[in-house]
């Protein structure tokens, strides 16, 4: 399979474990074959025609990186605020300038600094041509963004000593449970390889990037920090394609959470994808 620029093939190869059926949703009646394949291979579907992927204008990659750098504090603040971090945007800007801010817990400061470091890492990878879509980069970013929160940050659930995880509390809607990791993460690695192979075949780079965010978020590859890691991976892809990186505004968190619930419960990413594109920065 030919992969688009910035997409790398995972070097690890995994065989299906004997006696273990691959967990996937059944194709829904009336879906076009491509949509049915998405549902089976990535665990959710979406209506591509319902979203205008060209709303993000094309620009030279260095310009996309420069615009991202100029908005870096806002990206960090939005991501931190969505996690419940009490830092204000001016306080985040002060902290990124190397000046400590009093009155906050050490855990909150560490989270902001980790978000800043991981965001700068994506910027540097794209700027230097070292960004690719694959488990290696995802693990690296996760190890930076969630070392103080996730169990054994930097690798998929089950690849270390810990087991479990993969659950998302949906409040009144119950609990979403992703694939287990009792097999040392083998099933998760297979899901990742199959999913990224399918996503790499999507024609539009914005669709590939936004679909990746939904993919990483729903599959819960890590114990914590899945949305943050998936957002970083999405933005790396967008900038590599000469598009603006996207931040999910904290002020739109209720919309965001509602669309996430639809992704988890209904395996339908259309509304979430449309929302993410609508969060694009102004020209």
Protein backbone atom coordinates (compact mmCIF):
# COMPACT_ATOMS: atom_id res chain seq x y z
CA UNK A 1 0.00 0.00 0.00
CA UNK A 2 1.23 3.48 -0.84
CA UNK A 3 1.13 5.79 2.16
CA UNK A 4 0.78 9.58 1.99
CA UNK A 5 3.70 11.81 3.08
CA UNK A 6 4.22 11.72 6.83
CA UNK A 7 2.66 8.29 7.22
CA UNK A 8 5.04 5.51 8.25
CA UNK A 9 4.35 1.80 8.30
CA UNK A 10 4.63 0.36 11.81
CA UNK A 11 7.78 -1.81 11.72
CA UNK A 12 6.30 -4.33 14.15
CA UNK A 13 4.40 -7.23 12.66
CA UNK A 14 1.90 -9.17 14.74
CA UNK A 15 0.12 -12.41 13.99
CA UNK A 16 -3.46 -13.03 15.04
CA UNK A 17 -3.58 -15.03 18.22
CA UNK A 18 -5.12 -18.50 17.77
CA UNK A 19 -8.66 -18.77 19.05
CA UNK A 20 -9.12 -15.01 19.51
CA UNK A 21 -11.72 -13.39 17.27
CA UNK A 22 -11.11 -9.80 16.22
CA UNK A 23 -13.51 -7.46 17.95
CA UNK A 24 -15.37 -5.22 15.53
CA UNK A 25 -18.78 -3.67 15.05
CA UNK A 26 -21.12 -5.15 12.47
CA UNK A 27 -21.68 -3.06 9.34
CA UNK A 28 -24.93 -1.16 9.47
CA UNK A 29 -27.62 -1.75 6.87
CA UNK A 30 -27.52 0.74 4.03
CA UNK A 31 -23.89 1.80 4.45
CA UNK A 32 -21.80 2.14 1.34
CA UNK A 33 -19.03 -0.49 1.16
CA UNK A 34 -16.32 2.05 2.05
CA UNK A 35 -18.27 3.15 5.11
CA UNK A 36 -18.84 -0.46 6.13
CA UNK A 37 -15.12 -1.10 5.82
CA UNK A 38 -14.38 1.89 8.04
CA UNK A 39 -16.78 0.59 10.66
CA UNK A 40 -15.15 -2.82 10.62
CA UNK A 41 -11.54 -1.67 10.52
CA UNK A 42 -11.45 1.44 12.72
CA UNK A 43 -14.52 0.76 14.90
CA UNK A 44 -16.63 3.72 13.79
CA UNK A 45 -18.04 5.29 10.65
CA UNK A 46 -18.61 8.81 9.34
CA UNK A 47 -20.26 10.59 6.44
CA UNK A 48 -17.44 12.21 4.46
CA UNK A 49 -19.87 14.10 2.22
CA UNK A 50 -21.36 15.91 5.22
CA UNK A 51 -18.07 17.70 5.97
CA UNK A 52 -16.26 20.31 3.89
CA UNK A 53 -12.65 19.26 4.30
CA UNK A 54 -11.47 22.19 2.17
CA UNK A 55 -12.43 24.73 4.84
CA UNK A 56 -8.81 24.51 5.99
CA UNK A 57 -6.85 26.36 3.30
CA UNK A 58 -3.57 25.05 1.95
CA UNK A 59 -0.33 26.90 2.73
CA UNK A 60 3.40 26.15 2.75
CA UNK A 61 4.40 23.86 5.60
CA UNK A 62 6.75 26.46 7.18
CA UNK A 63 3.85 28.92 7.33
CA UNK A 64 1.61 26.33 8.98
CA UNK A 65 4.34 25.66 11.56
CA UNK A 66 4.88 29.39 12.16
CA UNK A 67 1.15 29.96 12.70
CA UNK A 68 1.06 27.02 15.10
CA UNK A 69 4.00 28.42 17.04
CA UNK A 70 2.28 31.79 17.29
CA UNK A 71 -0.79 30.10 18.77
CA UNK A 72 1.14 27.68 20.99
CA UNK A 73 0.07 29.16 24.33
CA UNK A 74 -3.57 28.97 23.28
CA UNK A 75 -3.21 25.34 22.24
CA UNK A 76 -1.64 24.49 25.59
CA UNK A 77 -4.24 26.41 27.58
CA UNK A 78 -7.21 24.89 25.73
CA UNK A 79 -5.84 21.37 26.20
CA UNK A 80 -5.11 21.96 29.89
CA UNK A 81 -8.47 23.61 30.57
CA UNK A 82 -10.32 20.71 28.93
CA UNK A 83 -8.60 18.46 31.48
CA UNK A 84 -9.85 20.65 34.34
CA UNK A 85 -6.57 22.49 34.88
CA UNK A 86 -7.20 25.86 36.63
CA UNK A 87 -4.38 27.79 34.92
CA UNK A 88 -5.59 30.87 33.03
CA UNK A 89 -4.28 31.76 29.58
CA UNK A 90 -2.08 34.62 30.92
CA UNK A 91 -0.70 32.25 33.55
CA UNK A 92 0.08 29.66 30.87
CA UNK A 93 1.86 32.33 28.83
CA UNK A 94 3.86 33.34 31.90
CA UNK A 95 4.82 29.73 32.64
CA UNK A 96 5.88 29.16 29.04
CA UNK A 97 8.13 32.20 29.36
CA UNK A 98 9.96 30.39 32.14
CA UNK A 99 8.42 32.23 35.09
CA UNK A 100 6.65 30.20 37.77
CA UNK A 101 3.13 31.12 38.82
CA UNK A 102 2.23 30.91 42.49
CA UNK A 103 -0.96 29.58 44.00
CA UNK A 104 -1.24 26.42 41.91
CA UNK A 105 -0.71 22.77 42.71
CA UNK A 106 2.51 21.20 41.47
CA UNK A 107 0.44 18.65 39.53
CA UNK A 108 -1.28 21.39 37.56
CA UNK A 109 2.02 23.07 36.73
CA UNK A 110 3.50 19.76 35.60
CA UNK A 111 0.54 19.12 33.32
CA UNK A 112 0.89 22.52 31.62
CA UNK A 113 4.63 22.07 31.17
CA UNK A 114 4.11 18.58 29.73
CA UNK A 115 1.55 19.92 27.27
CA UNK A 116 3.96 22.68 26.27
CA UNK A 117 6.86 20.26 25.75
CA UNK A 118 4.76 17.82 23.70
CA UNK A 119 3.33 20.64 21.59
CA UNK A 120 6.80 21.98 20.87
CA UNK A 121 7.93 18.45 20.03
CA UNK A 122 5.26 18.17 17.33
CA UNK A 123 6.30 21.56 15.99
CA UNK A 124 9.95 20.50 15.83
CA UNK A 125 9.17 17.16 14.19
CA UNK A 126 7.13 18.81 11.44
CA UNK A 127 9.60 21.65 10.97
CA UNK A 128 12.55 19.26 10.68
CA UNK A 129 10.71 16.72 8.52
CA UNK A 130 10.78 14.00 11.17
CA UNK A 131 7.06 13.61 11.73
CA UNK A 132 5.39 10.37 10.64
CA UNK A 133 2.13 8.72 11.57
CA UNK A 134 2.86 5.58 13.52
CA UNK A 135 3.12 4.00 16.93
CA UNK A 136 6.68 5.18 17.52
CA UNK A 137 5.80 8.88 17.31
CA UNK A 138 2.52 8.38 19.17
CA UNK A 139 4.30 6.60 22.02
CA UNK A 140 6.95 9.31 22.14
CA UNK A 141 4.36 12.08 22.39
CA UNK A 142 2.35 10.20 24.98
CA UNK A 143 5.47 9.74 27.09
CA UNK A 144 5.90 13.51 27.09
CA UNK A 145 2.30 14.63 27.52
CA UNK A 146 1.14 12.28 30.30
CA UNK A 147 4.11 11.07 32.38
CA UNK A 148 2.61 12.29 35.65
CA UNK A 149 -0.92 10.96 35.05
CA UNK A 150 -0.94 7.81 32.94
CA UNK A 151 0.21 4.45 34.23
CA UNK A 152 3.44 3.56 32.44
CA UNK A 153 3.34 6.43 29.94
CA UNK A 154 4.96 5.97 26.57
CA UNK A 155 3.50 2.65 25.45
CA UNK A 156 0.13 0.99 24.85
CA UNK A 157 -1.89 -0.55 27.63
CA UNK A 158 -0.61 -4.01 28.44
CA UNK A 159 2.88 -3.56 27.00
CA UNK A 160 4.33 -2.97 30.45
CA UNK A 161 3.51 -4.61 33.76
CA UNK A 162 0.07 -3.03 34.26
CA UNK A 163 -3.17 -4.39 32.84
CA UNK A 164 -6.71 -3.06 32.62
CA UNK A 165 -7.80 0.43 31.69
CA UNK A 166 -9.61 1.29 28.49
CA UNK A 167 -12.82 2.50 30.15
CA UNK A 168 -14.45 5.90 29.69
CA UNK A 169 -17.09 7.13 32.13
CA UNK A 170 -20.00 8.60 30.15
CA UNK A 171 -22.01 9.69 33.17
CA UNK A 172 -25.71 8.94 32.78
CA UNK A 173 -24.93 6.94 29.61
CA UNK A 174 -22.82 4.41 31.45
CA UNK A 175 -19.28 3.28 30.65
CA UNK A 176 -17.58 2.74 27.32
CA UNK A 177 -15.08 -0.15 27.34
CA UNK A 178 -12.38 -0.46 24.71
CA UNK A 179 -10.43 -3.60 23.82
CA UNK A 180 -8.67 -5.23 26.76
CA UNK A 181 -4.92 -5.60 27.13
CA UNK A 182 -4.54 -8.87 29.02
CA UNK A 183 -2.68 -10.24 25.97
CA UNK A 184 0.20 -7.81 26.60
CA UNK A 185 -1.37 -5.32 24.20
CA UNK A 186 -1.27 -7.56 21.11
CA UNK A 187 -4.90 -6.86 20.17
CA UNK A 188 -4.37 -3.12 20.59
CA UNK A 189 -1.33 -3.21 18.34
CA UNK A 190 -3.33 -5.08 15.72
CA UNK A 191 -6.14 -2.53 15.97
CA UNK A 192 -3.66 0.30 15.58
CA UNK A 193 -1.96 -1.24 12.56
CA UNK A 194 -5.24 -2.06 10.81
CA UNK A 195 -6.75 1.31 11.62
CA UNK A 196 -3.79 3.41 10.47
CA UNK A 197 -3.54 1.35 7.29
CA UNK A 198 -7.14 2.20 6.45
CA UNK A 199 -6.81 5.86 7.41
CA UNK A 200 -3.70 6.25 5.26
CA UNK A 201 -5.79 5.33 2.22
CA UNK A 202 -8.15 8.29 2.70
CA UNK A 203 -7.65 10.78 -0.09
CA UNK A 204 -8.05 14.09 1.74
CA UNK A 205 -5.30 14.95 4.26
CA UNK A 206 -7.67 16.84 6.57
CA UNK A 207 -10.01 13.86 6.69
CA UNK A 208 -7.07 11.56 7.48
CA UNK A 209 -5.93 13.80 10.33
CA UNK A 210 -9.34 14.37 11.91
CA UNK A 211 -10.26 10.69 11.56
CA UNK A 212 -7.03 9.82 13.38
CA UNK A 213 -8.11 11.94 16.34
CA UNK A 214 -11.37 10.00 16.56
CA UNK A 215 -9.53 6.71 16.11
CA UNK A 216 -7.02 7.29 18.91
CA UNK A 217 -9.67 8.71 21.20
CA UNK A 218 -12.14 5.84 20.82
CA UNK A 219 -9.66 2.98 21.00
CA UNK A 220 -8.05 4.15 24.25
CA UNK A 221 -4.62 2.80 23.42
CA UNK A 222 -3.15 4.37 26.57
CA UNK A 223 -4.19 4.36 30.22
CA UNK A 224 -4.73 8.14 30.14
CA UNK A 225 -4.00 11.08 27.85
CA UNK A 226 -5.60 9.56 24.75
CA UNK A 227 -7.36 12.72 23.56
CA UNK A 228 -4.27 14.85 24.16
CA UNK A 229 -2.01 12.43 22.30
CA UNK A 230 -4.50 12.03 19.45
CA UNK A 231 -4.83 15.81 19.13
CA UNK A 232 -1.05 16.16 18.85
CA UNK A 233 -0.93 13.42 16.21
CA UNK A 234 -3.77 15.08 14.31
CA UNK A 235 -2.03 18.43 14.30
CA UNK A 236 1.22 16.94 13.12
CA UNK A 237 -0.61 15.52 10.12
CA UNK A 238 -2.41 18.78 9.41
CA UNK A 239 0.79 20.82 9.41
CA UNK A 240 2.63 18.23 7.30
CA UNK A 241 -0.16 18.69 4.75
CA UNK A 242 0.19 22.48 4.85
CA UNK A 243 -2.91 23.10 6.95
CA UNK A 244 -3.45 24.94 10.20
CA UNK A 245 -3.29 22.95 13.42
CA UNK A 246 -6.59 22.87 15.31
CA UNK A 247 -7.22 23.51 18.99
CA UNK A 248 -10.47 22.46 20.67
CA UNK A 249 -11.60 25.66 22.44
CA UNK A 250 -12.32 25.28 26.13
CA UNK A 251 -15.35 27.55 25.68
CA UNK A 252 -16.87 24.89 23.40
CA UNK A 253 -16.24 22.00 25.79
CA UNK A 254 -19.95 21.11 26.15
CA UNK A 255 -20.31 20.62 22.39
CA UNK A 256 -17.09 18.66 22.36
CA UNK A 257 -18.22 16.34 25.14
CA UNK A 258 -21.60 15.75 23.50
CA UNK A 259 -19.96 14.74 20.23
CA UNK A 260 -17.52 12.49 22.09
CA UNK A 261 -20.45 10.64 23.66
CA UNK A 262 -21.92 10.07 20.19
CA UNK A 263 -18.57 8.67 19.03
CA UNK A 264 -18.39 6.28 21.97
CA UNK A 265 -22.03 5.18 22.07
CA UNK A 266 -23.04 5.15 18.41
CA UNK A 267 -19.67 4.56 16.72
CA UNK A 268 -20.50 7.57 14.53
CA UNK A 269 -17.80 10.25 14.21
CA UNK A 270 -19.57 12.57 11.74
CA UNK A 271 -20.70 15.20 14.24
CA UNK A 272 -17.35 15.20 16.05
CA UNK A 273 -15.39 15.54 12.82
CA UNK A 274 -17.59 18.40 11.64
CA UNK A 275 -17.14 20.09 15.01
CA UNK A 276 -13.34 19.77 14.87
CA UNK A 277 -13.19 21.32 11.40
CA UNK A 278 -15.40 24.13 12.66
CA UNK A 279 -12.79 24.81 15.37
CA UNK A 280 -10.19 25.75 12.75
CA UNK A 281 -8.34 29.02 13.40
CA UNK A 282 -9.24 32.17 11.53
CA UNK A 283 -7.26 32.78 8.30
